[in-house]
Amino acid sequence: MAEEGGGRRILWVECDGEKRKNLGFVLKLAGYRVTPVRTSYEALDWVVKRQGTPERFFALVLGSLTCAPGGSWLVGQLNRSGAALPILLVSEADPCAVEMAGPIIACRPEEVTRHLELLADNE
């Protein structure tokens, strides 16, 4: 359910505290309601609990998870749980070089809000 004037819920997963804070701030400035989490376990818990509710997430933004389990594990668990939501993988490296299973949009940090806007337009 899209909300008037933006305010879509974004789950932002990033182990690095500084990156989590910085991109979270940018997403909030762009009008999103951001839930920042540190681990894949936390992210899975948040998504599963909100699945099928009006408070469900519009998208999951996945940072460069350096702590275990990583992004591939999270995507696999989300697929098994039946949680269908767009996933943006934020990578400072060449996004085309990133390989993960599932419907993932790989982008650089400066492209995240543009990709979220495109997803919202296609809703």
Protein backbone atom coordinates (compact mmCIF):
# COMPACT_ATOMS: atom_id res chain seq x y z
CA MET A 1 0.00 0.00 0.00
CA ALA A 2 1.62 3.24 -1.10
CA GLU A 3 1.35 6.14 1.30
CA GLU A 4 0.46 9.70 0.36
CA GLY A 5 3.46 11.96 -0.16
CA GLY A 6 6.05 9.23 0.13
CA GLY A 7 6.79 7.84 3.52
CA ARG A 8 7.28 4.32 2.23
CA ARG A 9 8.95 1.97 4.69
CA ILE A 10 12.49 0.92 3.84
CA LEU A 11 14.48 -1.72 5.68
CA TRP A 12 18.17 -0.74 5.50
CA VAL A 13 20.66 -3.51 6.36
CA GLU A 14 24.31 -2.58 6.88
CA CYS A 15 26.93 -3.89 9.31
CA ASP A 16 29.08 -0.77 9.13
CA GLY A 17 27.65 1.78 11.56
CA GLU A 18 28.89 4.84 9.67
CA LYS A 19 27.50 3.65 6.32
CA ARG A 20 24.22 2.67 8.02
CA LYS A 21 23.93 6.15 9.51
CA ASN A 22 24.89 8.03 6.32
CA LEU A 23 22.63 6.28 3.80
CA GLY A 24 19.85 6.08 6.38
CA PHE A 25 20.01 9.87 6.66
CA VAL A 26 19.89 10.28 2.87
CA LEU A 27 16.88 7.96 2.63
CA LYS A 28 15.06 9.87 5.37
CA LEU A 29 15.76 13.16 3.58
CA ALA A 30 14.22 11.61 0.45
CA GLY A 31 11.02 11.01 2.43
CA TYR A 32 11.32 7.34 3.34
CA ARG A 33 10.64 5.84 6.75
CA VAL A 34 13.84 3.93 7.42
CA THR A 35 14.35 1.02 9.77
CA PRO A 36 18.12 0.52 10.03
CA VAL A 37 19.39 -2.89 11.13
CA ARG A 38 22.87 -4.32 11.49
CA THR A 39 22.52 -8.02 10.61
CA SER A 40 20.78 -10.36 8.23
CA TYR A 41 19.11 -12.04 11.21
CA GLU A 42 17.53 -8.76 12.29
CA ALA A 43 16.42 -8.00 8.75
CA LEU A 44 14.77 -11.40 8.31
CA ASP A 45 12.95 -11.00 11.63
CA TRP A 46 11.62 -7.53 10.69
CA VAL A 47 10.44 -8.62 7.23
CA VAL A 48 8.74 -11.81 8.37
CA LYS A 49 6.93 -10.07 11.24
CA ARG A 50 5.55 -7.33 8.98
CA GLN A 51 4.71 -9.50 5.99
CA GLY A 52 1.04 -9.17 5.08
CA THR A 53 0.47 -6.14 7.34
CA PRO A 54 -0.11 -2.50 6.41
CA GLU A 55 3.29 -1.81 8.01
CA ARG A 56 5.14 -4.07 5.59
CA PHE A 57 8.27 -2.79 3.92
CA PHE A 58 8.23 -1.28 0.44
CA ALA A 59 11.80 -2.41 -0.22
CA LEU A 60 14.90 -3.81 1.42
CA VAL A 61 18.17 -1.96 0.85
CA LEU A 62 21.09 -4.26 1.46
CA GLY A 63 24.55 -2.87 2.14
CA SER A 64 27.90 -4.57 1.92
CA LEU A 65 27.34 -7.05 4.72
CA THR A 66 30.74 -8.07 6.00
CA CYS A 67 29.37 -9.87 9.04
CA ALA A 68 27.95 -13.36 8.75
CA PRO A 69 25.52 -14.39 7.48
CA GLY A 70 25.79 -12.31 4.35
CA GLY A 71 23.38 -11.00 1.77
CA SER A 72 23.11 -14.24 -0.17
CA TRP A 73 21.89 -16.02 2.96
CA LEU A 74 19.33 -13.29 3.63
CA VAL A 75 17.98 -13.36 0.07
CA GLY A 76 17.65 -17.15 0.23
CA GLN A 77 15.79 -16.97 3.56
CA LEU A 78 13.45 -14.28 2.25
CA ASN A 79 12.69 -16.37 -0.82
CA ARG A 80 11.96 -19.43 1.36
CA SER A 81 9.71 -17.39 3.66
CA GLY A 82 7.66 -16.15 0.71
CA ALA A 83 8.43 -12.52 1.51
CA ALA A 84 8.23 -10.76 -1.81
CA LEU A 85 9.77 -7.31 -1.79
CA PRO A 86 12.24 -5.50 -4.02
CA ILE A 87 15.86 -5.73 -2.89
CA LEU A 88 18.47 -3.12 -3.74
CA LEU A 89 22.06 -4.18 -3.22
CA VAL A 90 24.26 -1.16 -2.57
CA SER A 91 27.80 -1.67 -3.81
CA GLU A 92 30.59 0.83 -4.26
CA ALA A 93 32.20 -1.64 -6.66
CA ASP A 94 30.87 -2.19 -10.16
CA PRO A 95 27.26 -3.29 -9.48
CA CYS A 96 27.32 -5.47 -12.59
CA ALA A 97 30.05 -7.58 -10.99
CA VAL A 98 27.87 -8.48 -8.01
CA GLU A 99 26.29 -11.92 -8.21
CA MET A 100 23.42 -12.97 -6.00
CA ALA A 101 20.45 -15.25 -6.48
CA GLY A 102 17.01 -13.73 -6.70
CA PRO A 103 15.49 -10.50 -7.95
CA ILE A 104 18.19 -8.04 -6.93
CA ILE A 105 18.81 -4.53 -8.23
CA ALA A 106 22.48 -3.71 -7.79
CA CYS A 107 23.39 -0.03 -7.62
CA ARG A 108 25.92 2.42 -6.25
CA PRO A 109 25.07 4.38 -3.07
CA GLU A 110 24.34 7.57 -5.00
CA GLU A 111 21.76 5.71 -7.16
CA VAL A 112 19.63 4.21 -4.37
CA THR A 113 16.94 6.91 -4.21
CA ARG A 114 16.59 6.95 -8.00
CA HIS A 115 16.04 3.19 -8.08
CA LEU A 116 13.51 3.41 -5.23
CA GLU A 117 11.62 6.10 -7.16
CA LEU A 118 11.56 3.84 -10.24
CA LEU A 119 10.18 0.98 -8.12
CA ALA A 120 7.48 3.27 -6.73
CA ASP A 121 6.52 4.39 -10.25
CA ASN A 122 6.07 0.73 -11.26
CA GLU A 123 3.87 -0.11 -8.28
